[in-house]
C-alpha atoms as a PDB file:
ATOM      1  CA  MET A   1      88.605   9.874  25.703  1.00  0.00           C
ATOM      2  CA  ALA A   2      91.641   8.028  24.607  1.00  0.00           C
ATOM      3  CA  VAL A   3      92.864   5.291  27.070  1.00  0.00           C
ATOM      4  CA  LYS A   4      95.835   3.928  27.467  1.00  0.00           C
ATOM      5  CA  LYS A   5      96.480   0.426  30.365  1.00  0.00           C
ATOM      6  CA  ARG A   6      99.639  -0.223  31.663  1.00  0.00           C
ATOM      7  CA  GLY A   7      99.786  -2.495  34.454  1.00  0.00           C
ATOM      8  CA  LEU A   8     100.910  -0.754  37.764  1.00  0.00           C
ATOM      9  CA  GLY A   9     101.569  -3.579  39.645  1.00  0.00           C
ATOM     10  CA  LYS A  10     100.945  -2.690  43.963  1.00  0.00           C
ATOM     11  CA  GLY A  11      99.301   0.770  43.480  1.00  0.00           C
ATOM     12  CA  LEU A  12      99.408   2.687  46.929  1.00  0.00           C
ATOM     13  CA  SER A  13     101.284   0.425  48.540  1.00  0.00           C
ATOM     14  CA  ALA A  14     104.039   2.715  48.237  1.00  0.00           C
ATOM     15  CA  LEU A  15     102.217   5.705  48.605  1.00  0.00           C
ATOM     16  CA  ILE A  16     100.326   4.532  52.230  1.00  0.00           C
ATOM     17  CA  SER A  17     101.029   1.997  55.354  1.00  0.00           C
ATOM     18  CA  GLU A  18     100.428  -1.324  54.826  1.00  0.00           C
ATOM     19  CA  GLU A  19      98.861  -1.876  58.219  1.00  0.00           C
ATOM     20  CA  PRO A  20      95.958  -1.466  59.074  1.00  0.00           C
ATOM     21  CA  ILE A  21      95.484   1.663  61.516  1.00  0.00           C
ATOM     22  CA  GLY A  22      91.922   2.226  63.281  1.00  0.00           C
ATOM     23  CA  ASP A  23      90.220   1.180  60.290  1.00  0.00           C
ATOM     24  CA  VAL A  24      91.852   3.398  58.193  1.00  0.00           C
ATOM     25  CA  LEU A  25      94.048   1.760  56.008  1.00  0.00           C
ATOM     26  CA  ILE A  26      93.854  -1.626  54.289  1.00  0.00           C
ATOM     27  CA  SER A  27      97.294  -3.541  52.998  1.00  0.00           C
ATOM     28  CA  GLN A  28      97.554  -3.090  49.071  1.00  0.00           C
ATOM     29  CA  GLU A  29      99.853  -5.832  48.536  1.00  0.00           C
ATOM     30  CA  SER A  30      96.791  -9.119  47.817  1.00  0.00           C
ATOM     31  CA  GLU A  31      96.899  -9.609  43.803  1.00  0.00           C
ATOM     32  CA  ASP A  32      93.147  -8.238  43.054  1.00  0.00           C
ATOM     33  CA  TYR A  33      94.041  -5.167  44.009  1.00  0.00           C
ATOM     34  CA  ARG A  34      96.769  -4.502  40.986  1.00  0.00           C
ATOM     35  CA  GLU A  35      95.393  -1.593  38.864  1.00  0.00           C
ATOM     36  CA  SER A  36      96.102   0.307  35.388  1.00  0.00           C
ATOM     37  CA  ILE A  37      96.671   3.576  34.486  1.00  0.00           C
ATOM     38  CA  GLU A  38      94.455   5.373  32.322  1.00  0.00           C
ATOM     39  CA  ASN A  39      95.221   8.887  30.246  1.00  0.00           C
ATOM     40  CA  ILE A  40      92.029  10.703  30.950  1.00  0.00           C
ATOM     41  CA  ASP A  41      91.098  14.287  29.640  1.00  0.00           C
ATOM     42  CA  ILE A  42      92.617  17.015  32.155  1.00  0.00           C
ATOM     43  CA  LYS A  43      89.212  18.747  31.997  1.00  0.00           C
ATOM     44  CA  LEU A  44      87.281  16.200  33.647  1.00  0.00           C
ATOM     45  CA  ILE A  45      89.686  16.017  36.677  1.00  0.00           C
ATOM     46  CA  ILE A  46      88.816  18.261  39.494  1.00  0.00           C
ATOM     47  CA  PRO A  47      90.066  18.488  43.285  1.00  0.00           C
ATOM     48  CA  ASN A  48      89.575  17.362  46.765  1.00  0.00           C
ATOM     49  CA  LYS A  49      87.689  20.582  48.541  1.00  0.00           C
ATOM     50  CA  GLU A  50      89.496  18.459  51.768  1.00  0.00           C
ATOM     51  CA  GLN A  51      93.135  19.043  50.187  1.00  0.00           C
ATOM     52  CA  PRO A  52      94.958  20.216  53.255  1.00  0.00           C
ATOM     53  CA  ARG A  53      97.329  21.950  51.096  1.00  0.00           C
ATOM     54  CA  LYS A  54      96.144  25.881  51.075  1.00  0.00           C
ATOM     55  CA  GLU A  55      99.194  27.154  49.478  1.00  0.00           C
ATOM     56  CA  PHE A  56     101.166  25.838  46.024  1.00  0.00           C
ATOM     57  CA  ASP A  57     104.590  27.786  45.960  1.00  0.00           C
ATOM     58  CA  LYS A  58     104.435  29.543  42.148  1.00  0.00           C
ATOM     59  CA  ASP A  59     107.915  29.261  41.426  1.00  0.00           C
ATOM     60  CA  ALA A  60     108.165  25.178  42.041  1.00  0.00           C
ATOM     61  CA  LEU A  61     104.705  25.189  40.178  1.00  0.00           C
ATOM     62  CA  GLU A  62     106.030  26.740  36.916  1.00  0.00           C
ATOM     63  CA  GLU A  63     109.196  24.498  37.804  1.00  0.00           C
ATOM     64  CA  LEU A  64     107.397  21.327  37.731  1.00  0.00           C
ATOM     65  CA  SER A  65     105.476  22.588  34.186  1.00  0.00           C
ATOM     66  CA  GLN A  66     108.640  22.938  32.195  1.00  0.00           C
ATOM     67  CA  SER A  67     109.941  19.977  33.825  1.00  0.00           C
ATOM     68  CA  ILE A  68     106.406  18.105  32.283  1.00  0.00           C
ATOM     69  CA  LYS A  69     106.597  19.823  29.316  1.00  0.00           C
ATOM     70  CA  THR A  70     110.326  18.114  29.140  1.00  0.00           C
ATOM     71  CA  HIS A  71     109.623  15.151  30.374  1.00  0.00           C
ATOM     72  CA  GLY A  72     105.769  14.390  30.562  1.00  0.00           C
ATOM     73  CA  ILE A  73     104.707  12.986  33.683  1.00  0.00           C
ATOM     74  CA  ILE A  74     106.623  10.660  35.632  1.00  0.00           C
ATOM     75  CA  GLN A  75     104.314   9.199  38.303  1.00  0.00           C
ATOM     76  CA  PRO A  76     100.380   9.165  37.711  1.00  0.00           C
ATOM     77  CA  ILE A  77      97.859  10.806  39.767  1.00  0.00           C
ATOM     78  CA  VAL A  78      95.383   9.325  42.077  1.00  0.00           C
ATOM     79  CA  VAL A  79      91.452  10.224  41.101  1.00  0.00           C
ATOM     80  CA  ARG A  80      87.992   8.733  42.017  1.00  0.00           C
ATOM     81  CA  LYS A  81      85.093   8.823  40.130  1.00  0.00           C
ATOM     82  CA  ALA A  82      82.336  11.778  41.453  1.00  0.00           C
ATOM     83  CA  ASP A  83      79.811  11.820  38.980  1.00  0.00           C
ATOM     84  CA  ASP A  84      80.880  12.943  35.473  1.00  0.00           C
ATOM     85  CA  LYS A  85      84.084  13.715  37.193  1.00  0.00           C
ATOM     86  CA  TYR A  86      87.107  12.534  38.175  1.00  0.00           C
ATOM     87  CA  GLU A  87      88.153  13.340  42.146  1.00  0.00           C
ATOM     88  CA  ILE A  88      91.815  13.863  42.914  1.00  0.00           C
ATOM     89  CA  ILE A  89      92.690  11.623  45.801  1.00  0.00           C
ATOM     90  CA  ALA A  90      96.411  12.400  45.437  1.00  0.00           C
ATOM     91  CA  GLY A  91      99.041  14.484  42.825  1.00  0.00           C
ATOM     92  CA  GLU A  92      96.910  17.779  42.909  1.00  0.00           C
ATOM     93  CA  ARG A  93     100.074  19.631  42.152  1.00  0.00           C
ATOM     94  CA  ARG A  94     101.283  17.319  39.085  1.00  0.00           C
ATOM     95  CA  TRP A  95      97.370  17.864  37.698  1.00  0.00           C
ATOM     96  CA  ARG A  96      98.017  22.265  38.232  1.00  0.00           C
ATOM     97  CA  ALA A  97     101.444  21.967  36.730  1.00  0.00           C
ATOM     98  CA  SER A  98     100.373  19.769  33.903  1.00  0.00           C
ATOM     99  CA  LYS A  99      97.458  22.255  32.989  1.00  0.00           C
ATOM    100  CA  LYS A 100      99.787  25.151  33.066  1.00  0.00           C
ATOM    101  CA  ALA A 101     102.255  22.865  30.611  1.00  0.00           C
ATOM    102  CA  GLY A 102      98.805  22.704  28.595  1.00  0.00           C
ATOM    103  CA  LEU A 103      98.495  19.297  28.629  1.00  0.00           C
ATOM    104  CA  GLU A 104      95.315  17.813  27.420  1.00  0.00           C
ATOM    105  CA  ASP A 105      95.082  15.228  29.134  1.00  0.00           C
ATOM    106  CA  ILE A 106      97.112  13.068  32.092  1.00  0.00           C
ATOM    107  CA  PRO A 107      97.919   9.972  33.423  1.00  0.00           C
ATOM    108  CA  CYS A 108      96.167   8.330  36.160  1.00  0.00           C
ATOM    109  CA  ILE A 109      94.975   5.413  38.782  1.00  0.00           C
ATOM    110  CA  ILE A 110      90.799   5.465  38.832  1.00  0.00           C
ATOM    111  CA  LYS A 111      90.451   4.072  42.652  1.00  0.00           C
ATOM    112  CA  ASP A 112      86.634   2.617  43.469  1.00  0.00           C
ATOM    113  CA  ILE A 113      86.681   3.989  47.054  1.00  0.00           C
ATOM    114  CA  ASP A 114      83.868   6.196  48.921  1.00  0.00           C
ATOM    115  CA  THR A 115      84.698   9.906  50.150  1.00  0.00           C
ATOM    116  CA  GLU A 116      85.347   8.911  53.594  1.00  0.00           C
ATOM    117  CA  MET A 117      88.629   6.791  52.294  1.00  0.00           C
ATOM    118  CA  SER A 118      89.520   9.604  49.576  1.00  0.00           C
ATOM    119  CA  THR A 119      89.641  12.098  52.541  1.00  0.00           C
ATOM    120  CA  LYS A 120      91.758  10.484  54.503  1.00  0.00           C
ATOM    121  CA  LEU A 121      94.127   8.838  51.483  1.00  0.00           C
ATOM    122  CA  ALA A 122      94.327  12.697  50.432  1.00  0.00           C
ATOM    123  CA  LEU A 123      95.572  13.839  53.772  1.00  0.00           C
ATOM    124  CA  ILE A 124      97.733  11.101  54.871  1.00  0.00           C
ATOM    125  CA  GLU A 125      99.524  10.899  51.204  1.00  0.00           C
ATOM    126  CA  ASN A 126     100.150  14.923  51.185  1.00  0.00           C
ATOM    127  CA  ILE A 127     101.672  14.517  54.543  1.00  0.00           C
ATOM    128  CA  GLN A 128     103.778  11.640  54.236  1.00  0.00           C
ATOM    129  CA  ARG A 129     104.962  14.080  51.255  1.00  0.00           C
ATOM    130  CA  GLU A 130     105.799  16.190  53.423  1.00  0.00           C
ATOM    131  CA  ASN A 131     105.116  19.656  51.575  1.00  0.00           C
ATOM    132  CA  LEU A 132     102.862  21.371  53.357  1.00  0.00           C
ATOM    133  CA  ASN A 133     103.339  24.231  55.651  1.00  0.00           C
ATOM    134  CA  PRO A 134     103.853  23.412  59.478  1.00  0.00           C
ATOM    135  CA  ILE A 135     100.116  25.000  60.385  1.00  0.00           C
ATOM    136  CA  GLU A 136      98.704  22.756  57.044  1.00  0.00           C
ATOM    137  CA  GLU A 137     100.587  19.946  58.571  1.00  0.00           C
ATOM    138  CA  ALA A 138      98.803  20.425  62.286  1.00  0.00           C
ATOM    139  CA  LEU A 139      95.243  21.019  60.893  1.00  0.00           C
ATOM    140  CA  ALA A 140      95.469  17.715  58.449  1.00  0.00           C
ATOM    141  CA  TYR A 141      96.752  15.807  61.594  1.00  0.00           C
ATOM    142  CA  ARG A 142      94.039  17.382  63.870  1.00  0.00           C
ATOM    143  CA  LYS A 143      91.524  16.345  61.031  1.00  0.00           C
ATOM    144  CA  LEU A 144      92.589  12.590  60.857  1.00  0.00           C
ATOM    145  CA  MET A 145      91.800  12.741  64.535  1.00  0.00           C
ATOM    146  CA  GLU A 146      89.174  14.319  64.741  1.00  0.00           C
ATOM    147  CA  ASP A 147      87.012  12.540  61.574  1.00  0.00           C
ATOM    148  CA  TYR A 148      88.433   9.533  62.053  1.00  0.00           C
ATOM    149  CA  LYS A 149      88.361   9.701  65.777  1.00  0.00           C
ATOM    150  CA  LEU A 150      92.482   9.218  66.096  1.00  0.00           C
ATOM    151  CA  THR A 151      94.647   8.749  68.861  1.00  0.00           C
ATOM    152  CA  GLN A 152      97.813  10.707  68.461  1.00  0.00           C
ATOM    153  CA  GLU A 153      99.636   7.433  68.451  1.00  0.00           C
ATOM    154  CA  GLU A 154      97.426   5.881  65.685  1.00  0.00           C
ATOM    155  CA  VAL A 155      97.738   9.295  63.389  1.00  0.00           C
ATOM    156  CA  ALA A 156     101.979   8.907  64.342  1.00  0.00           C
ATOM    157  CA  LYS A 157     101.881   5.335  63.507  1.00  0.00           C
ATOM    158  CA  VAL A 158      99.843   6.490  60.152  1.00  0.00           C
ATOM    159  CA  VAL A 159     102.257   8.884  58.746  1.00  0.00           C
ATOM    160  CA  GLY A 160     105.372   7.670  60.230  1.00  0.00           C
ATOM    161  CA  LYS A 161     105.950  10.543  62.955  1.00  0.00           C
ATOM    162  CA  SER A 162     106.493  10.169  66.785  1.00  0.00           C
ATOM    163  CA  ARG A 163     103.682  10.866  68.650  1.00  0.00           C
ATOM    164  CA  SER A 164     105.377  13.612  70.540  1.00  0.00           C
ATOM    165  CA  TYR A 165     106.011  15.337  66.961  1.00  0.00           C
ATOM    166  CA  ILE A 166     102.293  14.872  66.143  1.00  0.00           C
ATOM    167  CA  ALA A 167     101.383  16.553  69.710  1.00  0.00           C
ATOM    168  CA  ASN A 168     104.035  19.441  69.040  1.00  0.00           C
ATOM    169  CA  THR A 169     102.803  20.237  65.715  1.00  0.00           C
ATOM    170  CA  ILE A 170      98.830  20.247  66.691  1.00  0.00           C
ATOM    171  CA  ARG A 171      99.642  22.838  69.611  1.00  0.00           C
ATOM    172  CA  LEU A 172     100.751  25.052  67.240  1.00  0.00           C
ATOM    173  CA  LEU A 173      97.025  25.845  66.672  1.00  0.00           C
ATOM    174  CA  ASN A 174      96.954  26.892  70.211  1.00  0.00           C
ATOM    175  CA  LEU A 175      98.777  30.206  69.100  1.00  0.00           C
ATOM    176  CA  ASP A 176      97.321  33.379  68.457  1.00  0.00           C
ATOM    177  CA  GLN A 177      95.727  33.659  64.969  1.00  0.00           C
ATOM    178  CA  LYS A 178      97.990  36.448  63.615  1.00  0.00           C
ATOM    179  CA  LEU A 179     101.064  33.639  64.576  1.00  0.00           C
ATOM    180  CA  ILE A 180      99.435  31.115  62.857  1.00  0.00           C
ATOM    181  CA  ASN A 181      99.255  32.992  60.062  1.00  0.00           C
ATOM    182  CA  TYR A 182     102.677  34.303  60.353  1.00  0.00           C
ATOM    183  CA  ILE A 183     103.933  30.359  60.885  1.00  0.00           C
ATOM    184  CA  SER A 184     101.548  29.536  57.254  1.00  0.00           C
ATOM    185  CA  GLU A 185     103.502  32.845  55.686  1.00  0.00           C
ATOM    186  CA  GLY A 186     106.938  31.779  56.417  1.00  0.00           C
ATOM    187  CA  LYS A 187     107.754  34.545  58.807  1.00  0.00           C
ATOM    188  CA  LEU A 188     107.721  32.293  61.299  1.00  0.00           C
ATOM    189  CA  THR A 189     109.047  28.892  61.810  1.00  0.00           C
ATOM    190  CA  SER A 190     107.211  25.760  63.696  1.00  0.00           C
ATOM    191  CA  GLY A 191     110.642  26.294  65.923  1.00  0.00           C
ATOM    192  CA  HIS A 192     109.704  29.659  67.170  1.00  0.00           C
ATOM    193  CA  GLY A 193     106.033  28.910  67.415  1.00  0.00           C
ATOM    194  CA  LYS A 194     106.540  25.875  69.748  1.00  0.00           C
ATOM    195  CA  ALA A 195     109.155  28.377  72.230  1.00  0.00           C
ATOM    196  CA  LEU A 196     106.212  31.187  72.008  1.00  0.00           C
ATOM    197  CA  LEU A 197     103.576  28.592  73.262  1.00  0.00           C
ATOM    198  CA  SER A 198     104.954  29.363  76.360  1.00  0.00           C
ATOM    199  CA  ILE A 199     103.894  32.724  76.642  1.00  0.00           C
ATOM    200  CA  LYS A 200     100.435  32.746  77.657  1.00  0.00           C
ATOM    201  CA  ASP A 201      99.276  36.141  76.981  1.00  0.00           C
ATOM    202  CA  LYS A 202      97.833  36.266  73.322  1.00  0.00           C
ATOM    203  CA  LYS A 203      98.886  39.636  73.549  1.00  0.00           C
ATOM    204  CA  GLU A 204     102.636  39.185  74.932  1.00  0.00           C
ATOM    205  CA  GLN A 205     102.673  36.509  72.351  1.00  0.00           C
ATOM    206  CA  ILE A 206     102.245  38.911  69.372  1.00  0.00           C
ATOM    207  CA  LYS A 207     104.639  41.157  70.820  1.00  0.00           C
ATOM    208  CA  ALA A 208     107.138  38.918  70.838  1.00  0.00           C
ATOM    209  CA  ALA A 209     106.753  37.229  67.689  1.00  0.00           C
ATOM    210  CA  GLU A 210     107.287  40.622  65.836  1.00  0.00           C
ATOM    211  CA  ASN A 211     109.473  41.659  67.812  1.00  0.00           C
ATOM    212  CA  ILE A 212     111.222  38.056  66.046  1.00  0.00           C
ATOM    213  CA  ILE A 213     110.513  39.124  62.888  1.00  0.00           C
ATOM    214  CA  ASN A 214     111.646  42.297  63.064  1.00  0.00           C
ATOM    215  CA  ASN A 215     115.117  41.526  64.163  1.00  0.00           C
ATOM    216  CA  ASN A 216     115.111  38.473  62.217  1.00  0.00           C
ATOM    217  CA  LEU A 217     116.082  36.435  65.785  1.00  0.00           C
ATOM    218  CA  ASN A 218     116.561  32.721  65.454  1.00  0.00           C
ATOM    219  CA  VAL A 219     114.738  29.703  68.150  1.00  0.00           C
ATOM    220  CA  ARG A 220     117.320  29.882  70.366  1.00  0.00           C
ATOM    221  CA  GLU A 221     116.915  33.758  71.386  1.00  0.00           C
ATOM    222  CA  THR A 222     113.345  33.256  70.960  1.00  0.00           C
ATOM    223  CA  GLU A 223     112.809  31.183  73.685  1.00  0.00           C
ATOM    224  CA  SER A 224     115.276  33.609  75.776  1.00  0.00           C
ATOM    225  CA  ILE A 225     112.517  36.326  75.428  1.00  0.00           C
ATOM    226  CA  ALA A 226     110.137  33.827  76.620  1.00  0.00           C
ATOM    227  CA  LYS A 227     111.401  32.511  79.499  1.00  0.00           C
ATOM    228  CA  LYS A 228     111.853  36.506  80.424  1.00  0.00           C
ATOM    229  CA  THR A 229     108.116  37.331  79.418  1.00  0.00           C
ATOM    230  CA  ASN A 230     107.089  34.569  82.117  1.00  0.00           C
ATOM    231  CA  ILE A 231     109.373  35.690  84.737  1.00  0.00           C
ATOM    232  CA  LYS A 232     106.803  38.554  86.567  1.00  0.00           C
ATOM    233  CA  PRO A 233     107.750  40.399  89.342  1.00  0.00           C
ATOM    234  CA  LEU A 234     106.877  39.469  92.440  1.00  0.00           C
ATOM    235  CA  LYS A 235     104.099  41.701  94.130  1.00  0.00           C
ATOM    236  CA  LYS A 236     105.373  43.849  96.811  1.00  0.00           C
ATOM    237  CA  GLU A 237     103.067  42.320  99.636  1.00  0.00           C
ATOM    238  CA  ILE A 238     104.642  39.136  99.167  1.00  0.00           C
ATOM    239  CA  LEU A 239     108.339  40.883  98.632  1.00  0.00           C
ATOM    240  CA  SER A 240     107.591  42.773 101.935  1.00  0.00           C
ATOM    241  CA  ASN A 241     107.290  39.074 103.914  1.00  0.00           C
ATOM    242  CA  LYS A 242     110.247  37.273 102.373  1.00  0.00           C
ATOM    243  CA  ASP A 243     113.888  37.781 104.082  1.00  0.00           C
ATOM    244  CA  ALA A 244     115.770  39.092 100.737  1.00  0.00           C
ATOM    245  CA  TYR A 245     118.276  36.127 101.065  1.00  0.00           C
ATOM    246  CA  ILE A 246     114.971  33.730  99.900  1.00  0.00           C
ATOM    247  CA  ILE A 247     113.970  36.512  97.071  1.00  0.00           C
ATOM    248  CA  ASP A 248     117.902  36.979  95.991  1.00  0.00           C
ATOM    249  CA  LEU A 249     117.854  32.932  95.439  1.00  0.00           C
ATOM    250  CA  GLU A 250     114.131  32.618  93.804  1.00  0.00           C
ATOM    251  CA  GLU A 251     115.939  35.299  90.615  1.00  0.00           C
ATOM    252  CA  SER A 252     118.312  33.094  90.389  1.00  0.00           C
ATOM    253  CA  LEU A 253     116.487  29.809  89.838  1.00  0.00           C
ATOM    254  CA  MET A 254     113.959  31.872  87.714  1.00  0.00           C
ATOM    255  CA  ARG A 255     117.455  33.001  85.630  1.00  0.00           C
ATOM    256  CA  ALA A 256     118.272  29.607  85.515  1.00  0.00           C
ATOM    257  CA  LEU A 257     114.760  27.242  84.946  1.00  0.00           C
ATOM    258  CA  GLY A 258     113.106  30.164  82.613  1.00  0.00           C
ATOM    259  CA  THR A 259     110.419  30.190  84.635  1.00  0.00           C
ATOM    260  CA  LYS A 260     108.795  31.278  88.271  1.00  0.00           C
ATOM    261  CA  VAL A 261     110.265  29.743  91.379  1.00  0.00           C
ATOM    262  CA  ASN A 262     108.563  30.117  94.635  1.00  0.00           C
ATOM    263  CA  LEU A 263     110.897  29.694  97.459  1.00  0.00           C
ATOM    264  CA  ILE A 264     108.853  28.502 101.295  1.00  0.00           C
ATOM    265  CA  PRO A 265     110.736  28.309 103.836  1.00  0.00           C
ATOM    266  CA  GLY A 266     109.638  26.182 107.033  1.00  0.00           C
ATOM    267  CA  ALA A 267     111.060  25.699 110.670  1.00  0.00           C
ATOM    268  CA  LYS A 268     112.299  22.308 109.152  1.00  0.00           C
ATOM    269  CA  LYS A 269     111.315  21.873 106.174  1.00  0.00           C
ATOM    270  CA  GLY A 270     110.240  24.270 103.095  1.00  0.00           C
ATOM    271  CA  LYS A 271     109.406  23.571  99.380  1.00  0.00           C
ATOM    272  CA  ILE A 272     110.318  24.884  96.134  1.00  0.00           C
ATOM    273  CA  GLU A 273     107.707  25.558  93.873  1.00  0.00           C
ATOM    274  CA  ILE A 274     108.394  25.295  90.071  1.00  0.00           C
ATOM    275  CA  GLU A 275     105.914  26.946  87.086  1.00  0.00           C
ATOM    276  CA  TYR A 276     105.805  25.099  83.461  1.00  0.00           C
ATOM    277  CA  TYR A 277     103.380  26.177  80.556  1.00  0.00           C
ATOM    278  CA  GLY A 278     102.304  22.659  79.426  1.00  0.00           C
ATOM    279  CA  ASP A 279     104.370  19.388  78.530  1.00  0.00           C
ATOM    280  CA  GLU A 280     106.956  20.341  76.373  1.00  0.00           C
ATOM    281  CA  ASP A 281     107.912  23.028  78.842  1.00  0.00           C
ATOM    282  CA  LEU A 282     108.044  20.592  81.221  1.00  0.00           C
ATOM    283  CA  GLU A 283     110.155  18.622  79.841  1.00  0.00           C
ATOM    284  CA  ARG A 284     112.685  22.131  79.241  1.00  0.00           C
ATOM    285  CA  ILE A 285     112.556  22.277  82.892  1.00  0.00           C
ATOM    286  CA  ILE A 286     113.453  18.101  83.562  1.00  0.00           C
ATOM    287  CA  GLU A 287     116.215  18.296  81.321  1.00  0.00           C
ATOM    288  CA  THR A 288     117.512  21.947  82.443  1.00  0.00           C
ATOM    289  CA  LEU A 289     118.084  20.350  85.887  1.00  0.00           C
ATOM    290  CA  VAL A 290     119.081  16.710  85.160  1.00  0.00           C
ATOM    291  CA  ASN A 291     122.057  18.735  83.341  1.00  0.00           C
END
């Protein structure tokens, strides 16, 4: 195997955080961490089985392949030794495009790390490059939390996102599997998915999702559908015990807040019960009331 070496400086310091988070990452700044680049036979390189990215856009891959044919590999991929092969830590898309371009070898940074750290870096690198679909991203966040015992705040710090962004992205995995597939396929956006989360009945979720796809509805229109779906007609026995004025007030509040509202009048004081469906729905209702 022909090997050509050249200095690289900080290695992965530009790729991942330089701050230790829950024993996940180590600073790359020290002089003894400097790396070199080696040209490795492309046939000896294998993908990382823990790679969070499951779909590679064929047109984008072809475009990258043509660019590599013209300009070569501008940024080396990162690998680790795995028996007699080299497993990819970061850069599977470049590796695939290089194979497509007919390259015999590819510039690589070889990292001396174990399988666990390799998986962490592969997850973080892919998330930070923002080339995952929303479901792949949610699965990657959940894997970081479950496999490495990280909190949402720790994951947020590692990938440079807010805690609420991490939480809301992971919540997409609570949707019906059919909707998860729709988001993965690009038929629905993450915004559609988050709006549909407020519909607890999975059959109603699917019905609403298909309506959105068939009629090309936007997120605002999806939110409106979700509100109407969640407002159930009051039972007849309850209606019969309530004053018509109270019922009218309840219906007005339901329309305004997009959720079920129950007014409980009393001789000297009464109650207003407002239902919400998760933290995001609560934030939406509070914002409506405040504004």
